[in-house]
Amino acid sequence: MLKQLEMELKMKQLRIQNNEQMRVEMVKVKDEIVRRLHKMRHDKNIIVEGTNSNTSSMVGQYQFMQGSASTSTGCSATSATKSLWSS
């Protein structure tokens, strides 16, 4: 019985250790993604939604749902879609 409990304890400790390692790796990946997005923004002078704050991303999503999101050419998504369907 004691051996079984020791084995369960070791397994749980390993699981906790693996979860911690996974969390550290995920943070590294997230940091790398953010770093690359900022580099893209700097290199190409493009807008990357949501890298400054969650608010800008939410606002961008809301504007898109409302049909007022503009592309880099200044043409709104709604008018572009309407012109495609009307032609």
Protein backbone atom coordinates (compact mmCIF):
# COMPACT_ATOMS: atom_id res chain seq x y z
CA MET A 1 0.00 0.00 0.00
CA LEU A 2 2.82 2.39 0.90
CA LYS A 3 4.65 1.62 -2.36
CA GLN A 4 1.50 2.40 -4.34
CA LEU A 5 1.06 5.75 -2.55
CA GLU A 6 4.72 6.62 -3.17
CA MET A 7 4.28 5.77 -6.83
CA GLU A 8 1.14 7.95 -7.09
CA LEU A 9 2.99 10.80 -5.38
CA LYS A 10 5.88 10.53 -7.85
CA MET A 11 3.48 10.49 -10.78
CA LYS A 12 1.70 13.60 -9.48
CA GLN A 13 5.04 15.35 -8.93
CA LEU A 14 6.07 14.50 -12.49
CA ARG A 15 2.76 15.80 -13.82
CA ILE A 16 3.18 19.06 -11.90
CA GLN A 17 6.74 19.40 -13.18
CA ASN A 18 5.60 18.74 -16.77
CA ASN A 19 2.79 21.27 -16.43
CA GLU A 20 5.25 23.88 -15.18
CA GLN A 21 7.63 23.18 -18.06
CA MET A 22 4.73 23.40 -20.53
CA ARG A 23 3.66 26.73 -19.03
CA VAL A 24 7.19 28.10 -19.36
CA GLU A 25 7.35 26.94 -23.00
CA MET A 26 3.97 28.51 -23.78
CA VAL A 27 5.13 31.84 -22.31
CA LYS A 28 8.27 31.66 -24.48
CA VAL A 29 6.16 30.96 -27.59
CA LYS A 30 3.77 33.81 -26.77
CA ASP A 31 6.68 36.21 -26.23
CA GLU A 32 8.23 35.15 -29.55
CA ILE A 33 4.93 35.68 -31.40
CA VAL A 34 4.50 39.15 -29.89
CA ARG A 35 8.14 40.00 -30.70
CA ARG A 36 7.66 38.94 -34.33
CA LEU A 37 4.40 40.87 -34.66
CA HIS A 38 6.06 44.01 -33.33
CA LYS A 39 8.99 43.46 -35.72
CA MET A 40 6.56 43.07 -38.65
CA ARG A 41 4.79 46.25 -37.61
CA HIS A 42 8.09 48.10 -37.42
CA ASP A 43 9.52 46.67 -40.67
CA LYS A 44 6.49 47.06 -42.88
CA ASN A 45 4.66 49.81 -40.98
CA ILE A 46 1.49 47.72 -40.84
CA ILE A 47 -1.17 47.61 -38.17
CA VAL A 48 -1.34 44.40 -36.16
CA GLU A 49 -4.58 44.24 -34.18
CA GLY A 50 -4.41 43.48 -30.50
CA THR A 51 -0.68 43.73 -29.81
CA ASN A 52 -1.01 46.94 -27.78
CA SER A 53 -4.00 45.93 -25.68
CA ASN A 54 -7.00 43.66 -25.66
CA THR A 55 -9.19 46.72 -26.11
CA SER A 56 -7.91 47.55 -29.60
CA SER A 57 -8.52 43.97 -30.68
CA MET A 58 -12.05 44.03 -29.29
CA VAL A 59 -12.75 47.37 -30.95
CA GLY A 60 -11.41 46.03 -34.26
CA GLN A 61 -13.61 42.96 -34.04
CA TYR A 62 -16.64 45.09 -33.18
CA GLN A 63 -16.00 47.46 -36.07
CA PHE A 64 -15.65 44.52 -38.44
CA MET A 65 -18.94 43.04 -37.24
CA GLN A 66 -20.54 46.44 -37.79
CA GLY A 67 -19.16 46.54 -41.33
CA SER A 68 -17.01 49.59 -40.75
CA ALA A 69 -13.60 47.94 -40.69
CA SER A 70 -11.40 49.37 -43.42
CA THR A 71 -8.67 47.63 -45.32
CA SER A 72 -5.32 49.27 -45.96
CA THR A 73 -6.73 50.67 -49.22
CA GLY A 74 -9.43 52.53 -47.32
CA CYS A 75 -12.25 50.44 -48.76
CA SER A 76 -14.64 49.16 -46.12
CA ALA A 77 -15.40 45.45 -46.00
CA THR A 78 -19.13 46.04 -46.42
CA SER A 79 -18.87 48.20 -49.54
CA ALA A 80 -16.39 45.80 -51.11
CA THR A 81 -18.75 42.89 -50.52
CA LYS A 82 -21.73 44.84 -51.84
CA SER A 83 -19.87 45.82 -54.99
CA LEU A 84 -18.87 42.20 -55.59
CA TRP A 85 -22.45 40.99 -55.30
CA SER A 86 -23.91 43.78 -57.39
CA SER A 87 -21.60 43.23 -60.36
